[in-house]
Amino acid sequence: MPLPQLSEEDRKKALEKAAAARKARAQVKDNLKHGQMSAREALESDDPVVTKMKVTDFLKSLPGWGKAKADKTMQELEIAENRRLGGLGANQKAAILEMLEKAE
């Protein structure tokens, strides 16, 4: 399927919207990293900025978590690496919270 042809103005608007979304996700990650937002708050959020964040990015932004620990957790919980927070089921969210509590 070919990409739609956008006018220069529409393309500029789309780029601005994407940049704003990236900036908002970066702020959420920073809030998680510095303890201004809890993992539970992020998992229970309906904010589109949070729900569109990849689970791996969410885990890596938590204090004390890196790529290896996040990847291991994703494999153990059988969560696909391209899954986003909004696409997690209730059982998966509960399993992540339980895993985080054990890690503390």
PDB file of N, CA and C in Angstrom:
ATOM      1  N   MET A   1       0.849  -1.171   0.000  1.00  0.00           N
ATOM      2  CA  MET A   1       0.000   0.000   0.000  1.00  0.00           C
ATOM      3  C   MET A   1       0.899   1.240   0.000  1.00  0.00           C
ATOM      4  N   PRO A   2       0.742   2.091  -0.979  1.00  0.00           N
ATOM      5  CA  PRO A   2       1.586   3.284  -1.053  1.00  0.00           C
ATOM      6  C   PRO A   2       1.205   4.301   0.024  1.00  0.00           C
ATOM      7  N   LEU A   3       2.197   5.065   0.424  1.00  0.00           N
ATOM      8  CA  LEU A   3       1.952   6.109   1.419  1.00  0.00           C
ATOM      9  C   LEU A   3       1.146   7.235   0.802  1.00  0.00           C
ATOM     10  N   PRO A   4       0.258   7.842   1.588  1.00  0.00           N
ATOM     11  CA  PRO A   4      -0.530   8.951   1.040  1.00  0.00           C
ATOM     12  C   PRO A   4       0.369  10.161   0.778  1.00  0.00           C
ATOM     13  N   GLN A   5       0.048  10.891  -0.249  1.00  0.00           N
ATOM     14  CA  GLN A   5       0.793  12.106  -0.569  1.00  0.00           C
ATOM     15  C   GLN A   5       0.242  13.246   0.289  1.00  0.00           C
ATOM     16  N   LEU A   6       1.101  13.827   1.095  1.00  0.00           N
ATOM     17  CA  LEU A   6       0.695  14.921   1.971  1.00  0.00           C
ATOM     18  C   LEU A   6       1.181  16.238   1.403  1.00  0.00           C
ATOM     19  N   SER A   7       0.370  17.255   1.621  1.00  0.00           N
ATOM     20  CA  SER A   7       0.827  18.585   1.239  1.00  0.00           C
ATOM     21  C   SER A   7       1.946  18.986   2.196  1.00  0.00           C
ATOM     22  N   GLU A   8       2.702  19.974   1.850  1.00  0.00           N
ATOM     23  CA  GLU A   8       3.809  20.423   2.692  1.00  0.00           C
ATOM     24  C   GLU A   8       3.289  20.864   4.058  1.00  0.00           C
ATOM     25  N   GLU A   9       2.132  21.499   4.081  1.00  0.00           N
ATOM     26  CA  GLU A   9       1.542  21.957   5.348  1.00  0.00           C
ATOM     27  C   GLU A   9       1.120  20.764   6.218  1.00  0.00           C
ATOM     28  N   ASP A  10       0.472  19.771   5.609  1.00  0.00           N
ATOM     29  CA  ASP A  10       0.056  18.576   6.353  1.00  0.00           C
ATOM     30  C   ASP A  10       1.265  17.815   6.882  1.00  0.00           C
ATOM     31  N   ARG A  11       2.310  17.729   6.075  1.00  0.00           N
ATOM     32  CA  ARG A  11       3.544  17.050   6.489  1.00  0.00           C
ATOM     33  C   ARG A  11       4.169  17.770   7.680  1.00  0.00           C
ATOM     34  N   LYS A  12       4.188  19.085   7.632  1.00  0.00           N
ATOM     35  CA  LYS A  12       4.755  19.875   8.729  1.00  0.00           C
ATOM     36  C   LYS A  12       3.952  19.668  10.016  1.00  0.00           C
ATOM     37  N   LYS A  13       2.621  19.644   9.906  1.00  0.00           N
ATOM     38  CA  LYS A  13       1.765  19.415  11.076  1.00  0.00           C
ATOM     39  C   LYS A  13       2.019  18.024  11.672  1.00  0.00           C
ATOM     40  N   ALA A  14       2.148  17.026  10.802  1.00  0.00           N
ATOM     41  CA  ALA A  14       2.389  15.658  11.263  1.00  0.00           C
ATOM     42  C   ALA A  14       3.739  15.558  11.973  1.00  0.00           C
ATOM     43  N   LEU A  15       4.752  16.217  11.440  1.00  0.00           N
ATOM     44  CA  LEU A  15       6.071  16.205  12.083  1.00  0.00           C
ATOM     45  C   LEU A  15       6.027  16.889  13.445  1.00  0.00           C
ATOM     46  N   GLU A  16       5.306  17.996  13.546  1.00  0.00           N
ATOM     47  CA  GLU A  16       5.171  18.694  14.829  1.00  0.00           C
ATOM     48  C   GLU A  16       4.434  17.842  15.848  1.00  0.00           C
ATOM     49  N   LYS A  17       3.387  17.157  15.395  1.00  0.00           N
ATOM     50  CA  LYS A  17       2.613  16.296  16.281  1.00  0.00           C
ATOM     51  C   LYS A  17       3.475  15.139  16.789  1.00  0.00           C
ATOM     52  N   ALA A  18       4.273  14.548  15.907  1.00  0.00           N
ATOM     53  CA  ALA A  18       5.154  13.440  16.295  1.00  0.00           C
ATOM     54  C   ALA A  18       6.225  13.917  17.277  1.00  0.00           C
ATOM     55  N   ALA A  19       6.766  15.093  17.036  1.00  0.00           N
ATOM     56  CA  ALA A  19       7.789  15.639  17.937  1.00  0.00           C
ATOM     57  C   ALA A  19       7.196  15.914  19.319  1.00  0.00           C
ATOM     58  N   ALA A  20       5.980  16.424  19.358  1.00  0.00           N
ATOM     59  CA  ALA A  20       5.318  16.690  20.636  1.00  0.00           C
ATOM     60  C   ALA A  20       5.062  15.387  21.393  1.00  0.00           C
ATOM     61  N   ALA A  21       4.674  14.340  20.686  1.00  0.00           N
ATOM     62  CA  ALA A  21       4.424  13.043  21.320  1.00  0.00           C
ATOM     63  C   ALA A  21       5.727  12.471  21.883  1.00  0.00           C
ATOM     64  N   ARG A  22       6.818  12.564  21.131  1.00  0.00           N
ATOM     65  CA  ARG A  22       8.115  12.067  21.617  1.00  0.00           C
ATOM     66  C   ARG A  22       8.548  12.833  22.861  1.00  0.00           C
ATOM     67  N   LYS A  23       8.342  14.138  22.844  1.00  0.00           N
ATOM     68  CA  LYS A  23       8.723  14.963  23.990  1.00  0.00           C
ATOM     69  C   LYS A  23       7.891  14.593  25.218  1.00  0.00           C
ATOM     70  N   ALA A  24       6.605  14.355  25.026  1.00  0.00           N
ATOM     71  CA  ALA A  24       5.727  13.982  26.139  1.00  0.00           C
ATOM     72  C   ALA A  24       6.119  12.617  26.707  1.00  0.00           C
ATOM     73  N   ARG A  25       6.445  11.647  25.828  1.00  0.00           N
ATOM     74  CA  ARG A  25       6.876  10.324  26.300  1.00  0.00           C
ATOM     75  C   ARG A  25       8.201  10.425  27.047  1.00  0.00           C
ATOM     76  N   ALA A  26       9.085  11.275  26.572  1.00  0.00           N
ATOM     77  CA  ALA A  26      10.371  11.471  27.259  1.00  0.00           C
ATOM     78  C   ALA A  26      10.141  12.034  28.658  1.00  0.00           C
ATOM     79  N   GLN A  27       9.162  12.925  28.794  1.00  0.00           N
ATOM     80  CA  GLN A  27       8.846  13.492  30.105  1.00  0.00           C
ATOM     81  C   GLN A  27       8.299  12.413  31.045  1.00  0.00           C
ATOM     82  N   VAL A  28       7.444  11.538  30.525  1.00  0.00           N
ATOM     83  CA  VAL A  28       6.903  10.442  31.335  1.00  0.00           C
ATOM     84  C   VAL A  28       8.036   9.522  31.787  1.00  0.00           C
ATOM     85  N   LYS A  29       8.951   9.190  30.874  1.00  0.00           N
ATOM     86  CA  LYS A  29      10.089   8.334  31.229  1.00  0.00           C
ATOM     87  C   LYS A  29      10.942   8.995  32.311  1.00  0.00           C
ATOM     88  N   ASP A  30      11.164  10.291  32.184  1.00  0.00           N
ATOM     89  CA  ASP A  30      11.941  11.022  33.182  1.00  0.00           C
ATOM     90  C   ASP A  30      11.229  11.014  34.528  1.00  0.00           C
ATOM     91  N   ASN A  31       9.900  11.186  34.509  1.00  0.00           N
ATOM     92  CA  ASN A  31       9.119  11.139  35.754  1.00  0.00           C
ATOM     93  C   ASN A  31       9.227   9.769  36.416  1.00  0.00           C
ATOM     94  N   LEU A  32       9.189   8.716  35.631  1.00  0.00           N
ATOM     95  CA  LEU A  32       9.339   7.364  36.176  1.00  0.00           C
ATOM     96  C   LEU A  32      10.732   7.175  36.760  1.00  0.00           C
ATOM     97  N   LYS A  33      11.731   7.627  36.034  1.00  0.00           N
ATOM     98  CA  LYS A  33      13.114   7.464  36.467  1.00  0.00           C
ATOM     99  C   LYS A  33      13.391   8.170  37.791  1.00  0.00           C
ATOM    100  N   HIS A  34      12.794   9.338  37.980  1.00  0.00           N
ATOM    101  CA  HIS A  34      13.051  10.129  39.180  1.00  0.00           C
ATOM    102  C   HIS A  34      11.986   9.961  40.262  1.00  0.00           C
ATOM    103  N   GLY A  35      11.110   8.983  40.111  1.00  0.00           N
ATOM    104  CA  GLY A  35      10.135   8.673  41.150  1.00  0.00           C
ATOM    105  C   GLY A  35       8.968   9.637  41.252  1.00  0.00           C
ATOM    106  N   GLN A  36       8.785  10.483  40.258  1.00  0.00           N
ATOM    107  CA  GLN A  36       7.657  11.416  40.280  1.00  0.00           C
ATOM    108  C   GLN A  36       6.374  10.750  39.791  1.00  0.00           C
ATOM    109  N   MET A  37       6.514   9.573  39.199  1.00  0.00           N
ATOM    110  CA  MET A  37       5.363   8.770  38.763  1.00  0.00           C
ATOM    111  C   MET A  37       5.695   7.327  39.103  1.00  0.00           C
ATOM    112  N   SER A  38       4.741   6.628  39.691  1.00  0.00           N
ATOM    113  CA  SER A  38       4.984   5.228  40.035  1.00  0.00           C
ATOM    114  C   SER A  38       4.659   4.326  38.845  1.00  0.00           C
ATOM    115  N   ALA A  39       5.187   3.125  38.893  1.00  0.00           N
ATOM    116  CA  ALA A  39       4.901   2.148  37.847  1.00  0.00           C
ATOM    117  C   ALA A  39       3.409   1.840  37.811  1.00  0.00           C
ATOM    118  N   ARG A  40       2.800   1.763  38.982  1.00  0.00           N
ATOM    119  CA  ARG A  40       1.355   1.490  39.053  1.00  0.00           C
ATOM    120  C   ARG A  40       0.559   2.606  38.368  1.00  0.00           C
ATOM    121  N   GLU A  41       0.932   3.848  38.619  1.00  0.00           N
ATOM    122  CA  GLU A  41       0.242   4.981  37.986  1.00  0.00           C
ATOM    123  C   GLU A  41       0.347   4.890  36.466  1.00  0.00           C
ATOM    124  N   ALA A  42       1.526   4.539  35.981  1.00  0.00           N
ATOM    125  CA  ALA A  42       1.724   4.436  34.535  1.00  0.00           C
ATOM    126  C   ALA A  42       0.887   3.297  33.947  1.00  0.00           C
ATOM    127  N   LEU A  43       0.879   2.155  34.623  1.00  0.00           N
ATOM    128  CA  LEU A  43       0.136   1.005  34.105  1.00  0.00           C
ATOM    129  C   LEU A  43      -1.373   1.220  34.152  1.00  0.00           C
ATOM    130  N   GLU A  44      -1.849   2.030  35.083  1.00  0.00           N
ATOM    131  CA  GLU A  44      -3.287   2.269  35.215  1.00  0.00           C
ATOM    132  C   GLU A  44      -3.752   3.518  34.473  1.00  0.00           C
ATOM    133  N   SER A  45      -2.840   4.225  33.855  1.00  0.00           N
ATOM    134  CA  SER A  45      -3.155   5.483  33.183  1.00  0.00           C
ATOM    135  C   SER A  45      -3.932   5.259  31.890  1.00  0.00           C
ATOM    136  N   ASP A  46      -4.841   6.205  31.566  1.00  0.00           N
ATOM    137  CA  ASP A  46      -5.523   6.163  30.264  1.00  0.00           C
ATOM    138  C   ASP A  46      -4.983   7.257  29.354  1.00  0.00           C
ATOM    139  N   ASP A  47      -3.965   7.960  29.795  1.00  0.00           N
ATOM    140  CA  ASP A  47      -3.356   9.014  28.999  1.00  0.00           C
ATOM    141  C   ASP A  47      -2.733   8.394  27.746  1.00  0.00           C
ATOM    142  N   PRO A  48      -3.108   8.873  26.566  1.00  0.00           N
ATOM    143  CA  PRO A  48      -2.570   8.292  25.327  1.00  0.00           C
ATOM    144  C   PRO A  48      -1.045   8.349  25.245  1.00  0.00           C
ATOM    145  N   VAL A  49      -0.453   9.347  25.862  1.00  0.00           N
ATOM    146  CA  VAL A  49       1.012   9.441  25.866  1.00  0.00           C
ATOM    147  C   VAL A  49       1.597   8.222  26.563  1.00  0.00           C
ATOM    148  N   VAL A  50       0.998   7.814  27.663  1.00  0.00           N
ATOM    149  CA  VAL A  50       1.493   6.675  28.436  1.00  0.00           C
ATOM    150  C   VAL A  50       1.097   5.358  27.759  1.00  0.00           C
ATOM    151  N   THR A  51      -0.139   5.245  27.310  1.00  0.00           N
ATOM    152  CA  THR A  51      -0.604   3.978  26.749  1.00  0.00           C
ATOM    153  C   THR A  51       0.100   3.618  25.448  1.00  0.00           C
ATOM    154  N   LYS A  52       0.647   4.600  24.743  1.00  0.00           N
ATOM    155  CA  LYS A  52       1.351   4.321  23.489  1.00  0.00           C
ATOM    156  C   LYS A  52       2.841   4.059  23.694  1.00  0.00           C
ATOM    157  N   MET A  53       3.297   4.081  24.961  1.00  0.00           N
ATOM    158  CA  MET A  53       4.698   3.808  25.266  1.00  0.00           C
ATOM    159  C   MET A  53       4.938   2.303  25.199  1.00  0.00           C
ATOM    160  N   LYS A  54       6.069   1.903  24.616  1.00  0.00           N
ATOM    161  CA  LYS A  54       6.403   0.476  24.562  1.00  0.00           C
ATOM    162  C   LYS A  54       6.739  -0.017  25.962  1.00  0.00           C
ATOM    163  N   VAL A  55       6.373  -1.256  26.246  1.00  0.00           N
ATOM    164  CA  VAL A  55       6.604  -1.847  27.561  1.00  0.00           C
ATOM    165  C   VAL A  55       8.099  -1.881  27.868  1.00  0.00           C
ATOM    166  N   THR A  56       8.922  -2.204  26.878  1.00  0.00           N
ATOM    167  CA  THR A  56      10.366  -2.244  27.126  1.00  0.00           C
ATOM    168  C   THR A  56      10.898  -0.871  27.516  1.00  0.00           C
ATOM    169  N   ASP A  57      10.420   0.188  26.868  1.00  0.00           N
ATOM    170  CA  ASP A  57      10.850   1.546  27.225  1.00  0.00           C
ATOM    171  C   ASP A  57      10.385   1.899  28.630  1.00  0.00           C
ATOM    172  N   PHE A  58       9.177   1.478  28.969  1.00  0.00           N
ATOM    173  CA  PHE A  58       8.640   1.706  30.311  1.00  0.00           C
ATOM    174  C   PHE A  58       9.531   1.050  31.364  1.00  0.00           C
ATOM    175  N   LEU A  59       9.868  -0.228  31.145  1.00  0.00           N
ATOM    176  CA  LEU A  59      10.690  -0.956  32.116  1.00  0.00           C
ATOM    177  C   LEU A  59      12.085  -0.353  32.231  1.00  0.00           C
ATOM    178  N   LYS A  60      12.687  -0.001  31.093  1.00  0.00           N
ATOM    179  CA  LYS A  60      14.039   0.552  31.114  1.00  0.00           C
ATOM    180  C   LYS A  60      14.093   1.927  31.774  1.00  0.00           C
ATOM    181  N   SER A  61      12.974   2.608  31.862  1.00  0.00           N
ATOM    182  CA  SER A  61      12.968   3.934  32.477  1.00  0.00           C
ATOM    183  C   SER A  61      12.784   3.872  33.993  1.00  0.00           C
ATOM    184  N   LEU A  62      12.536   2.682  34.529  1.00  0.00           N
ATOM    185  CA  LEU A  62      12.391   2.546  35.976  1.00  0.00           C
ATOM    186  C   LEU A  62      13.767   2.550  36.637  1.00  0.00           C
ATOM    187  N   PRO A  63      13.862   3.115  37.845  1.00  0.00           N
ATOM    188  CA  PRO A  63      15.159   3.136  38.534  1.00  0.00           C
ATOM    189  C   PRO A  63      15.686   1.722  38.771  1.00  0.00           C
ATOM    190  N   GLY A  64      16.949   1.502  38.422  1.00  0.00           N
ATOM    191  CA  GLY A  64      17.575   0.199  38.636  1.00  0.00           C
ATOM    192  C   GLY A  64      17.316  -0.806  37.531  1.00  0.00           C
ATOM    193  N   TRP A  65      16.619  -0.402  36.495  1.00  0.00           N
ATOM    194  CA  TRP A  65      16.307  -1.314  35.397  1.00  0.00           C
ATOM    195  C   TRP A  65      17.066  -0.876  34.156  1.00  0.00           C
ATOM    196  N   GLY A  66      17.577  -1.857  33.437  1.00  0.00           N
ATOM    197  CA  GLY A  66      18.268  -1.607  32.178  1.00  0.00           C
ATOM    198  C   GLY A  66      17.742  -2.542  31.113  1.00  0.00           C
ATOM    199  N   LYS A  67      18.448  -2.575  30.011  1.00  0.00           N
ATOM    200  CA  LYS A  67      18.011  -3.395  28.876  1.00  0.00           C
ATOM    201  C   LYS A  67      17.965  -4.875  29.227  1.00  0.00           C
ATOM    202  N   ALA A  68      18.995  -5.383  29.865  1.00  0.00           N
ATOM    203  CA  ALA A  68      19.059  -6.823  30.169  1.00  0.00           C
ATOM    204  C   ALA A  68      17.913  -7.247  31.088  1.00  0.00           C
ATOM    205  N   LYS A  69      17.698  -6.508  32.131  1.00  0.00           N
ATOM    206  CA  LYS A  69      16.645  -6.846  33.092  1.00  0.00           C
ATOM    207  C   LYS A  69      15.262  -6.718  32.445  1.00  0.00           C
ATOM    208  N   ALA A  70      15.090  -5.676  31.628  1.00  0.00           N
ATOM    209  CA  ALA A  70      13.810  -5.483  30.946  1.00  0.00           C
ATOM    210  C   ALA A  70      13.548  -6.615  29.955  1.00  0.00           C
ATOM    211  N   ASP A  71      14.576  -6.978  29.183  1.00  0.00           N
ATOM    212  CA  ASP A  71      14.418  -8.065  28.202  1.00  0.00           C
ATOM    213  C   ASP A  71      14.107  -9.393  28.894  1.00  0.00           C
ATOM    214  N   LYS A  72      14.791  -9.666  29.997  1.00  0.00           N
ATOM    215  CA  LYS A  72      14.560 -10.900  30.738  1.00  0.00           C
ATOM    216  C   LYS A  72      13.123 -10.945  31.273  1.00  0.00           C
ATOM    217  N   THR A  73      12.661  -9.826  31.803  1.00  0.00           N
ATOM    218  CA  THR A  73      11.295  -9.746  32.329  1.00  0.00           C
ATOM    219  C   THR A  73      10.264  -9.954  31.220  1.00  0.00           C
ATOM    220  N   MET A  74      10.504  -9.339  30.081  1.00  0.00           N
ATOM    221  CA  MET A  74       9.578  -9.481  28.950  1.00  0.00           C
ATOM    222  C   MET A  74       9.496 -10.950  28.510  1.00  0.00           C
ATOM    223  N   GLN A  75      10.630 -11.640  28.490  1.00  0.00           N
ATOM    224  CA  GLN A  75      10.631 -13.051  28.099  1.00  0.00           C
ATOM    225  C   GLN A  75       9.925 -13.907  29.136  1.00  0.00           C
ATOM    226  N   GLU A  76      10.213 -13.669  30.410  1.00  0.00           N
ATOM    227  CA  GLU A  76       9.597 -14.461  31.472  1.00  0.00           C
ATOM    228  C   GLU A  76       8.081 -14.299  31.492  1.00  0.00           C
ATOM    229  N   LEU A  77       7.608 -13.080  31.223  1.00  0.00           N
ATOM    230  CA  LEU A  77       6.169 -12.821  31.254  1.00  0.00           C
ATOM    231  C   LEU A  77       5.513 -13.054  29.897  1.00  0.00           C
ATOM    232  N   GLU A  78       6.326 -13.468  28.913  1.00  0.00           N
ATOM    233  CA  GLU A  78       5.835 -13.750  27.565  1.00  0.00           C
ATOM    234  C   GLU A  78       5.089 -12.568  26.965  1.00  0.00           C
ATOM    235  N   ILE A  79       5.725 -11.412  27.034  1.00  0.00           N
ATOM    236  CA  ILE A  79       5.180 -10.193  26.446  1.00  0.00           C
ATOM    237  C   ILE A  79       6.014  -9.877  25.213  1.00  0.00           C
ATOM    238  N   ALA A  80       5.355  -9.672  24.093  1.00  0.00           N
ATOM    239  CA  ALA A  80       6.061  -9.372  22.845  1.00  0.00           C
ATOM    240  C   ALA A  80       6.826  -8.060  22.982  1.00  0.00           C
ATOM    241  N   GLU A  81       7.992  -7.993  22.331  1.00  0.00           N
ATOM    242  CA  GLU A  81       8.832  -6.807  22.492  1.00  0.00           C
ATOM    243  C   GLU A  81       8.237  -5.548  21.870  1.00  0.00           C
ATOM    244  N   ASN A  82       7.281  -5.690  20.963  1.00  0.00           N
ATOM    245  CA  ASN A  82       6.664  -4.517  20.359  1.00  0.00           C
ATOM    246  C   ASN A  82       5.351  -4.117  21.055  1.00  0.00           C
ATOM    247  N   ARG A  83       5.021  -4.759  22.156  1.00  0.00           N
ATOM    248  CA  ARG A  83       3.775  -4.486  22.891  1.00  0.00           C
ATOM    249  C   ARG A  83       3.851  -3.112  23.557  1.00  0.00           C
ATOM    250  N   ARG A  84       2.742  -2.424  23.578  1.00  0.00           N
ATOM    251  CA  ARG A  84       2.653  -1.117  24.216  1.00  0.00           C
ATOM    252  C   ARG A  84       1.839  -1.244  25.508  1.00  0.00           C
ATOM    253  N   LEU A  85       2.023  -0.299  26.414  1.00  0.00           N
ATOM    254  CA  LEU A  85       1.344  -0.385  27.717  1.00  0.00           C
ATOM    255  C   LEU A  85      -0.173  -0.491  27.563  1.00  0.00           C
ATOM    256  N   GLY A  86      -0.732   0.231  26.621  1.00  0.00           N
ATOM    257  CA  GLY A  86      -2.176   0.192  26.406  1.00  0.00           C
ATOM    258  C   GLY A  86      -2.676  -1.146  25.899  1.00  0.00           C
ATOM    259  N   GLY A  87      -1.781  -1.960  25.341  1.00  0.00           N
ATOM    260  CA  GLY A  87      -2.171  -3.255  24.800  1.00  0.00           C
ATOM    261  C   GLY A  87      -2.009  -4.405  25.771  1.00  0.00           C
ATOM    262  N   LEU A  88      -1.584  -4.101  26.994  1.00  0.00           N
ATOM    263  CA  LEU A  88      -1.427  -5.159  27.995  1.00  0.00           C
ATOM    264  C   LEU A  88      -2.770  -5.536  28.598  1.00  0.00           C
ATOM    265  N   GLY A  89      -2.913  -6.799  28.894  1.00  0.00           N
ATOM    266  CA  GLY A  89      -4.110  -7.264  29.575  1.00  0.00           C
ATOM    267  C   GLY A  89      -3.971  -7.087  31.079  1.00  0.00           C
ATOM    268  N   ALA A  90      -5.051  -7.293  31.802  1.00  0.00           N
ATOM    269  CA  ALA A  90      -5.050  -7.127  33.259  1.00  0.00           C
ATOM    270  C   ALA A  90      -4.064  -8.083  33.925  1.00  0.00           C
ATOM    271  N   ASN A  91      -4.000  -9.319  33.441  1.00  0.00           N
ATOM    272  CA  ASN A  91      -3.073 -10.298  34.020  1.00  0.00           C
ATOM    273  C   ASN A  91      -1.618  -9.907  33.774  1.00  0.00           C
ATOM    274  N   GLN A  92      -1.328  -9.382  32.589  1.00  0.00           N
ATOM    275  CA  GLN A  92       0.033  -8.958  32.289  1.00  0.00           C
ATOM    276  C   GLN A  92       0.437  -7.768  33.159  1.00  0.00           C
ATOM    277  N   LYS A  93      -0.476  -6.824  33.335  1.00  0.00           N
ATOM    278  CA  LYS A  93      -0.186  -5.666  34.191  1.00  0.00           C
ATOM    279  C   LYS A  93       0.070  -6.119  35.626  1.00  0.00           C
ATOM    280  N   ALA A  94      -0.751  -7.027  36.106  1.00  0.00           N
ATOM    281  CA  ALA A  94      -0.576  -7.545  37.466  1.00  0.00           C
ATOM    282  C   ALA A  94       0.758  -8.282  37.590  1.00  0.00           C
ATOM    283  N   ALA A  95       1.133  -9.033  36.568  1.00  0.00           N
ATOM    284  CA  ALA A  95       2.398  -9.769  36.598  1.00  0.00           C
ATOM    285  C   ALA A  95       3.585  -8.811  36.616  1.00  0.00           C
ATOM    286  N   ILE A  96       3.499  -7.726  35.870  1.00  0.00           N
ATOM    287  CA  ILE A  96       4.571  -6.737  35.871  1.00  0.00           C
ATOM    288  C   ILE A  96       4.694  -6.099  37.248  1.00  0.00           C
ATOM    289  N   LEU A  97       3.559  -5.716  37.831  1.00  0.00           N
ATOM    290  CA  LEU A  97       3.597  -5.106  39.165  1.00  0.00           C
ATOM    291  C   LEU A  97       4.169  -6.063  40.198  1.00  0.00           C
ATOM    292  N   GLU A  98       3.798  -7.333  40.103  1.00  0.00           N
ATOM    293  CA  GLU A  98       4.312  -8.338  41.033  1.00  0.00           C
ATOM    294  C   GLU A  98       5.829  -8.492  40.855  1.00  0.00           C
ATOM    295  N   MET A  99       6.278  -8.504  39.605  1.00  0.00           N
ATOM    296  CA  MET A  99       7.712  -8.622  39.305  1.00  0.00           C
ATOM    297  C   MET A  99       8.458  -7.411  39.865  1.00  0.00           C
ATOM    298  N   LEU A 100       7.873  -6.241  39.751  1.00  0.00           N
ATOM    299  CA  LEU A 100       8.516  -5.017  40.265  1.00  0.00           C
ATOM    300  C   LEU A 100       8.598  -5.030  41.775  1.00  0.00           C
ATOM    301  N   GLU A 101       7.556  -5.543  42.435  1.00  0.00           N
ATOM    302  CA  GLU A 101       7.562  -5.615  43.888  1.00  0.00           C
ATOM    303  C   GLU A 101       8.643  -6.586  44.390  1.00  0.00           C
ATOM    304  N   LYS A 102       8.834  -7.699  43.672  1.00  0.00           N
ATOM    305  CA  LYS A 102       9.867  -8.657  44.028  1.00  0.00           C
ATOM    306  C   LYS A 102      11.260  -8.064  43.851  1.00  0.00           C
ATOM    307  N   ALA A 103      11.408  -7.200  42.854  1.00  0.00           N
ATOM    308  CA  ALA A 103      12.711  -6.629  42.540  1.00  0.00           C
ATOM    309  C   ALA A 103      13.139  -5.563  43.557  1.00  0.00           C
ATOM    310  N   GLU A 104      12.198  -5.032  44.299  1.00  0.00           N
ATOM    311  CA  GLU A 104      12.530  -3.961  45.259  1.00  0.00           C
ATOM    312  C   GLU A 104      13.255  -4.454  46.446  1.00  0.00           C
TER     313      GLU A 104
END
